[in-house]
C-alpha atoms as a PDB file:
ATOM      1  CA  MET A   1      11.813  -7.215   0.340  1.00  0.00           C
ATOM      2  CA  SER A   2      13.825  -9.923   2.460  1.00  0.00           C
ATOM      3  CA  GLU A   3      12.880 -13.727   1.525  1.00  0.00           C
ATOM      4  CA  VAL A   4      11.146 -15.626   4.285  1.00  0.00           C
ATOM      5  CA  LYS A   5      12.281 -19.084   4.559  1.00  0.00           C
ATOM      6  CA  LEU A   6       9.953 -22.120   4.896  1.00  0.00           C
ATOM      7  CA  SER A   7      10.078 -25.704   4.796  1.00  0.00           C
ATOM      8  CA  ALA A   8       7.536 -28.006   3.265  1.00  0.00           C
ATOM      9  CA  GLU A   9       7.079 -31.236   2.380  1.00  0.00           C
ATOM     10  CA  SER A  10       5.873 -33.318  -0.608  1.00  0.00           C
ATOM     11  CA  ARG A  11       1.999 -34.730  -0.399  1.00  0.00           C
ATOM     12  CA  THR A  12       0.873 -37.457  -2.596  1.00  0.00           C
ATOM     13  CA  ASP A  13      -2.301 -37.927  -0.980  1.00  0.00           C
ATOM     14  CA  PHE A  14      -5.375 -35.618  -2.669  1.00  0.00           C
ATOM     15  CA  GLY A  15      -8.821 -34.936  -2.059  1.00  0.00           C
ATOM     16  CA  LYS A  16     -10.640 -33.229   1.142  1.00  0.00           C
ATOM     17  CA  GLY A  17     -10.042 -36.145   3.553  1.00  0.00           C
ATOM     18  CA  ALA A  18      -6.100 -36.035   3.064  1.00  0.00           C
ATOM     19  CA  ALA A  19      -6.332 -31.909   2.899  1.00  0.00           C
ATOM     20  CA  ARG A  20      -8.289 -32.401   6.697  1.00  0.00           C
ATOM     21  CA  GLN A  21      -5.783 -34.715   7.824  1.00  0.00           C
ATOM     22  CA  ALA A  22      -3.058 -32.666   6.917  1.00  0.00           C
ATOM     23  CA  ARG A  23      -4.929 -29.518   8.930  1.00  0.00           C
ATOM     24  CA  ARG A  24      -5.181 -31.973  11.872  1.00  0.00           C
ATOM     25  CA  ASP A  25      -1.462 -32.194  11.827  1.00  0.00           C
ATOM     26  CA  ALA A  26      -0.620 -28.519  11.574  1.00  0.00           C
ATOM     27  CA  LEU A  27      -0.120 -28.092   7.663  1.00  0.00           C
ATOM     28  CA  THR A  28      -1.604 -26.132   5.274  1.00  0.00           C
ATOM     29  CA  PRO A  29      -2.061 -27.761   1.570  1.00  0.00           C
ATOM     30  CA  ALA A  30      -0.748 -25.850  -1.030  1.00  0.00           C
ATOM     31  CA  VAL A  31       0.242 -26.240  -4.712  1.00  0.00           C
ATOM     32  CA  ILE A  32       3.257 -24.697  -6.645  1.00  0.00           C
ATOM     33  CA  TYR A  33       3.316 -23.871 -10.067  1.00  0.00           C
ATOM     34  CA  GLY A  34       4.622 -21.515 -13.045  1.00  0.00           C
ATOM     35  CA  HIS A  35       7.527 -21.386 -15.866  1.00  0.00           C
ATOM     36  CA  GLY A  36       5.847 -24.639 -17.401  1.00  0.00           C
ATOM     37  CA  THR A  37       6.696 -26.722 -14.705  1.00  0.00           C
ATOM     38  CA  ASP A  38       4.100 -29.698 -13.377  1.00  0.00           C
ATOM     39  CA  PRO A  39       2.661 -28.529 -10.247  1.00  0.00           C
ATOM     40  CA  LYS A  40       3.760 -29.688  -7.203  1.00  0.00           C
ATOM     41  CA  HIS A  41       1.619 -30.410  -4.068  1.00  0.00           C
ATOM     42  CA  VAL A  42       2.941 -29.699  -0.589  1.00  0.00           C
ATOM     43  CA  ASN A  43       2.270 -29.386   3.191  1.00  0.00           C
ATOM     44  CA  VAL A  44       3.579 -26.071   5.256  1.00  0.00           C
ATOM     45  CA  ASP A  45       3.646 -25.999   8.383  1.00  0.00           C
ATOM     46  CA  ALA A  46       0.519 -23.803   9.223  1.00  0.00           C
ATOM     47  CA  HIS A  47       1.559 -21.275  11.719  1.00  0.00           C
ATOM     48  CA  ALA A  48       4.853 -20.205   9.794  1.00  0.00           C
ATOM     49  CA  LEU A  49       2.600 -19.765   7.019  1.00  0.00           C
ATOM     50  CA  GLN A  50       0.106 -17.776   8.780  1.00  0.00           C
ATOM     51  CA  LEU A  51       2.719 -15.499  10.098  1.00  0.00           C
ATOM     52  CA  ALA A  52       4.582 -15.465   6.671  1.00  0.00           C
ATOM     53  CA  LEU A  53       1.200 -14.253   4.986  1.00  0.00           C
ATOM     54  CA  ARG A  54       0.903 -11.410   7.335  1.00  0.00           C
ATOM     55  CA  THR A  55       3.271  -9.368   4.714  1.00  0.00           C
ATOM     56  CA  PRO A  56       1.681  -8.919   1.429  1.00  0.00           C
ATOM     57  CA  ASN A  57       2.719 -10.470  -1.587  1.00  0.00           C
ATOM     58  CA  VAL A  58       5.694 -12.093   0.480  1.00  0.00           C
ATOM     59  CA  LEU A  59       8.601 -13.573  -1.250  1.00  0.00           C
ATOM     60  CA  ILE A  60       9.070 -17.160   0.310  1.00  0.00           C
ATOM     61  CA  SER A  61      12.123 -19.349  -0.214  1.00  0.00           C
ATOM     62  CA  LEU A  62      10.236 -22.815   0.133  1.00  0.00           C
ATOM     63  CA  ASP A  63      12.854 -25.442   1.061  1.00  0.00           C
ATOM     64  CA  ILE A  64      11.042 -28.698  -0.139  1.00  0.00           C
ATOM     65  CA  LYS A  65      11.710 -32.122   1.648  1.00  0.00           C
ATOM     66  CA  ASP A  66      13.452 -34.348  -1.294  1.00  0.00           C
ATOM     67  CA  GLY A  67      11.980 -31.687  -3.791  1.00  0.00           C
ATOM     68  CA  GLY A  68      14.684 -28.875  -3.540  1.00  0.00           C
ATOM     69  CA  THR A  69      13.925 -24.940  -2.779  1.00  0.00           C
ATOM     70  CA  GLU A  70      11.722 -22.838  -5.105  1.00  0.00           C
ATOM     71  CA  LEU A  71      11.419 -19.038  -4.782  1.00  0.00           C
ATOM     72  CA  VAL A  72       7.426 -18.476  -4.933  1.00  0.00           C
ATOM     73  CA  ILE A  73       5.207 -15.543  -4.207  1.00  0.00           C
ATOM     74  CA  PRO A  74       1.326 -16.474  -2.924  1.00  0.00           C
ATOM     75  CA  LYS A  75      -1.426 -16.278  -5.428  1.00  0.00           C
ATOM     76  CA  ALA A  76      -4.128 -17.513  -3.893  1.00  0.00           C
ATOM     77  CA  VAL A  77      -4.699 -17.665  -0.633  1.00  0.00           C
ATOM     78  CA  GLN A  78      -8.254 -19.505   0.575  1.00  0.00           C
ATOM     79  CA  LYS A  79      -9.176 -19.038   4.428  1.00  0.00           C
ATOM     80  CA  HIS A  80     -11.510 -20.715   6.581  1.00  0.00           C
ATOM     81  CA  PRO A  81     -14.811 -18.553   6.372  1.00  0.00           C
ATOM     82  CA  LEU A  82     -15.473 -18.551  10.250  1.00  0.00           C
ATOM     83  CA  LYS A  83     -11.857 -19.302  12.027  1.00  0.00           C
ATOM     84  CA  ARG A  84      -9.626 -17.055   9.353  1.00  0.00           C
ATOM     85  CA  SER A  85      -7.013 -19.552   9.524  1.00  0.00           C
ATOM     86  CA  VAL A  86      -5.323 -20.384   5.463  1.00  0.00           C
ATOM     87  CA  SER A  87      -6.975 -23.670   4.629  1.00  0.00           C
ATOM     88  CA  HIS A  88      -4.852 -23.553   0.852  1.00  0.00           C
ATOM     89  CA  VAL A  89      -2.501 -21.897  -0.855  1.00  0.00           C
ATOM     90  CA  ASP A  90      -1.307 -21.663  -4.562  1.00  0.00           C
ATOM     91  CA  PHE A  91       1.941 -20.617  -5.193  1.00  0.00           C
ATOM     92  CA  LEU A  92       3.705 -19.021  -8.096  1.00  0.00           C
ATOM     93  CA  ILE A  93       7.150 -19.464  -9.155  1.00  0.00           C
ATOM     94  CA  VAL A  94       9.213 -16.551  -9.927  1.00  0.00           C
ATOM     95  CA  LYS A  95      12.861 -15.916 -10.577  1.00  0.00           C
ATOM     96  CA  LYS A  96      15.071 -13.355  -9.797  1.00  0.00           C
ATOM     97  CA  GLY A  97      15.238 -10.397 -11.775  1.00  0.00           C
ATOM     98  CA  GLU A  98      11.675 -11.506 -13.690  1.00  0.00           C
ATOM     99  CA  LYS A  99       8.804  -8.822 -13.540  1.00  0.00           C
ATOM    100  CA  VAL A 100       5.663  -9.936 -11.742  1.00  0.00           C
ATOM    101  CA  THR A 101       2.322  -8.111 -11.715  1.00  0.00           C
ATOM    102  CA  VAL A 102       0.617  -7.964  -8.206  1.00  0.00           C
ATOM    103  CA  ASP A 103      -2.066  -6.001  -6.127  1.00  0.00           C
ATOM    104  CA  VAL A 104      -0.521  -3.337  -3.872  1.00  0.00           C
ATOM    105  CA  ALA A 105      -2.303  -1.555  -0.628  1.00  0.00           C
ATOM    106  CA  ILE A 106      -2.941   2.110  -1.264  1.00  0.00           C
ATOM    107  CA  VAL A 107      -2.669   3.757   2.342  1.00  0.00           C
ATOM    108  CA  THR A 108      -3.124   7.480   2.591  1.00  0.00           C
ATOM    109  CA  GLU A 109      -1.406   9.909   4.505  1.00  0.00           C
ATOM    110  CA  GLY A 110      -2.418  13.513   5.554  1.00  0.00           C
ATOM    111  CA  GLU A 111      -5.689  15.101   6.672  1.00  0.00           C
ATOM    112  CA  LEU A 112      -8.112  16.752   4.143  1.00  0.00           C
ATOM    113  CA  ALA A 113      -8.591  20.709   3.780  1.00  0.00           C
ATOM    114  CA  PRO A 114     -11.150  21.495   6.867  1.00  0.00           C
ATOM    115  CA  GLY A 115     -14.854  21.797   6.182  1.00  0.00           C
ATOM    116  CA  GLY A 116     -16.189  18.482   6.588  1.00  0.00           C
ATOM    117  CA  ASN A 117     -15.608  16.957   3.251  1.00  0.00           C
ATOM    118  CA  MET A 118     -14.806  12.842   3.173  1.00  0.00           C
ATOM    119  CA  LEU A 119     -12.153  11.051   1.446  1.00  0.00           C
ATOM    120  CA  GLU A 120     -13.965   8.399  -0.897  1.00  0.00           C
ATOM    121  CA  THR A 121     -11.982   5.249  -1.632  1.00  0.00           C
ATOM    122  CA  LEU A 122     -12.626   3.855  -5.016  1.00  0.00           C
ATOM    123  CA  GLN A 123      -9.628   1.424  -5.460  1.00  0.00           C
ATOM    124  CA  ASN A 124      -7.871  -0.398  -2.326  1.00  0.00           C
ATOM    125  CA  THR A 125      -5.475  -1.628  -4.230  1.00  0.00           C
ATOM    126  CA  ILE A 126      -3.844  -0.955  -7.339  1.00  0.00           C
ATOM    127  CA  SER A 127      -2.009  -3.753  -9.888  1.00  0.00           C
ATOM    128  CA  VAL A 128       1.647  -3.016 -10.613  1.00  0.00           C
ATOM    129  CA  GLU A 129       4.173  -4.630 -12.337  1.00  0.00           C
ATOM    130  CA  ALA A 130       7.635  -4.973 -10.042  1.00  0.00           C
ATOM    131  CA  GLU A 131      10.736  -7.136 -10.276  1.00  0.00           C
ATOM    132  CA  ALA A 132      10.152 -10.506  -8.250  1.00  0.00           C
ATOM    133  CA  THR A 133      12.321  -9.798  -5.051  1.00  0.00           C
ATOM    134  CA  HIS A 134      11.579  -5.751  -5.129  1.00  0.00           C
ATOM    135  CA  ILE A 135       7.597  -5.978  -4.719  1.00  0.00           C
ATOM    136  CA  PRO A 136       6.668  -3.265  -2.730  1.00  0.00           C
ATOM    137  CA  THR A 137       4.044  -4.232   0.577  1.00  0.00           C
ATOM    138  CA  GLU A 138       2.178  -0.905  -0.335  1.00  0.00           C
ATOM    139  CA  VAL A 139       1.997   2.784  -1.920  1.00  0.00           C
ATOM    140  CA  THR A 140       1.796   6.160   0.055  1.00  0.00           C
ATOM    141  CA  VAL A 141      -0.426   8.486  -1.153  1.00  0.00           C
ATOM    142  CA  SER A 142      -1.007  12.325   0.426  1.00  0.00           C
ATOM    143  CA  ILE A 143      -4.562  13.909   0.842  1.00  0.00           C
ATOM    144  CA  ALA A 144      -2.671  16.558   2.704  1.00  0.00           C
ATOM    145  CA  GLY A 145      -4.967  19.723   2.177  1.00  0.00           C
ATOM    146  CA  LEU A 146      -7.407  18.384  -0.740  1.00  0.00           C
ATOM    147  CA  GLU A 147     -10.910  19.847  -1.244  1.00  0.00           C
ATOM    148  CA  ALA A 148     -13.808  18.636  -2.514  1.00  0.00           C
ATOM    149  CA  GLY A 149     -14.238  17.797  -6.077  1.00  0.00           C
ATOM    150  CA  ALA A 150     -10.146  16.438  -6.008  1.00  0.00           C
ATOM    151  CA  THR A 151      -9.478  13.106  -7.579  1.00  0.00           C
ATOM    152  CA  ILE A 152      -6.607  11.243  -6.938  1.00  0.00           C
ATOM    153  CA  HIS A 153      -6.054   8.757 -10.314  1.00  0.00           C
ATOM    154  CA  ALA A 154      -3.871   5.998 -10.713  1.00  0.00           C
ATOM    155  CA  SER A 155      -1.120   7.894 -12.584  1.00  0.00           C
ATOM    156  CA  ASP A 156      -0.495  10.203  -9.695  1.00  0.00           C
ATOM    157  CA  LEU A 157       0.557   7.790  -7.234  1.00  0.00           C
ATOM    158  CA  VAL A 158       4.673   7.923  -6.840  1.00  0.00           C
ATOM    159  CA  LEU A 159       5.768   4.313  -7.317  1.00  0.00           C
ATOM    160  CA  PRO A 160       8.848   3.130  -6.117  1.00  0.00           C
ATOM    161  CA  LYS A 161      12.101   2.842  -8.345  1.00  0.00           C
ATOM    162  CA  GLY A 162      11.751  -0.349 -10.864  1.00  0.00           C
ATOM    163  CA  THR A 163       7.764  -0.213 -10.023  1.00  0.00           C
ATOM    164  CA  THR A 164       5.456   0.602 -12.723  1.00  0.00           C
ATOM    165  CA  LEU A 165       1.480   0.639 -13.277  1.00  0.00           C
ATOM    166  CA  ALA A 166       0.065  -2.081 -14.601  1.00  0.00           C
ATOM    167  CA  VAL A 167      -3.548  -0.718 -15.036  1.00  0.00           C
ATOM    168  CA  ASP A 168      -4.278   2.293 -17.024  1.00  0.00           C
ATOM    169  CA  GLY A 169      -3.158   5.662 -15.329  1.00  0.00           C
ATOM    170  CA  ASP A 170      -6.680   7.555 -15.762  1.00  0.00           C
ATOM    171  CA  ILE A 171      -8.496   4.922 -13.074  1.00  0.00           C
ATOM    172  CA  ALA A 172      -9.563   7.131 -10.426  1.00  0.00           C
ATOM    173  CA  VAL A 173      -8.299   5.627  -7.315  1.00  0.00           C
ATOM    174  CA  LEU A 174      -9.642   8.080  -4.686  1.00  0.00           C
ATOM    175  CA  GLN A 175     -11.806  11.511  -4.707  1.00  0.00           C
ATOM    176  CA  VAL A 176     -12.588  14.109  -2.215  1.00  0.00           C
ATOM    177  CA  VAL A 177     -16.169  14.760  -1.693  1.00  0.00           C
ATOM    178  CA  ALA A 178     -18.347  17.266   0.398  1.00  0.00           C
ATOM    179  CA  PRO A 179     -20.651  16.336   2.930  1.00  0.00           C
ATOM    180  CA  GLN A 180     -24.189  15.194   2.456  1.00  0.00           C
ATOM    181  CA  ALA A 181     -26.914  18.028   3.449  1.00  0.00           C
ATOM    182  CA  GLU A 182     -29.617  16.272   5.415  1.00  0.00           C
ATOM    183  CA  GLU A 183     -33.056  17.368   5.378  1.00  0.00           C
ATOM    184  CA  PRO A 184     -34.244  20.096   7.257  1.00  0.00           C
ATOM    185  CA  ALA A 185     -36.344  18.190  10.399  1.00  0.00           C
ATOM    186  CA  ALA A 186     -39.166  21.085  10.474  1.00  0.00           C
ATOM    187  CA  GLU A 187     -39.975  19.725   7.029  1.00  0.00           C
ATOM    188  CA  ALA A 188     -40.094  16.592   8.175  1.00  0.00           C
ATOM    189  CA  ASP A 189     -42.419  17.185  10.982  1.00  0.00           C
ATOM    190  CA  ALA A 190     -44.659  19.261   8.844  1.00  0.00           C
ATOM    191  CA  GLU A 191     -45.220  16.246   6.465  1.00  0.00           C
ATOM    192  CA  GLY A 192     -45.863  13.835   9.428  1.00  0.00           C
ATOM    193  CA  SER A 193     -48.592  16.304  11.210  1.00  0.00           C
ATOM    194  CA  GLU A 194     -50.698  16.154   8.008  1.00  0.00           C
ATOM    195  CA  ALA A 195     -51.202  12.897   7.743  1.00  0.00           C
END
């Protein structure tokens, strides 16, 4: 995973009024924390940040005006409920070589065995531990030819090299279920005519 470089400026004004003003100026308020340091409050260019956050668990090199550079990952992203624009971000400081625990998306590939079976997704993401500069964006699992009753557990997922599960391997991730039988229409009509 490559780093995305963003610039930021330190902020000294806090509260709703300051946050609203930053958003009017096309900036997103953010906090940087971790590694025992005092939290740093910054504003980041809203458009550039929105583009960067399209990649899950993106590694960001944050160049802070008059404050050095920090290597961070987004830990909590708050979005406006209607506009879906990013309204605030908590960044976690990471170091090269350090292991971090993140949630990555589970993506399926292939087709189920014929017969009208359905795939039930029990987990959309899975927690993994990976080196901060090599966080996978997703984990792909093949469902090709699976039949009703098949279950894929976390331990069945093939993880990229250097990545380990951060959850119990017995957790069910996906399962294949048989189609539900519908109640025959003739019985339903008979019950309705008796009333």
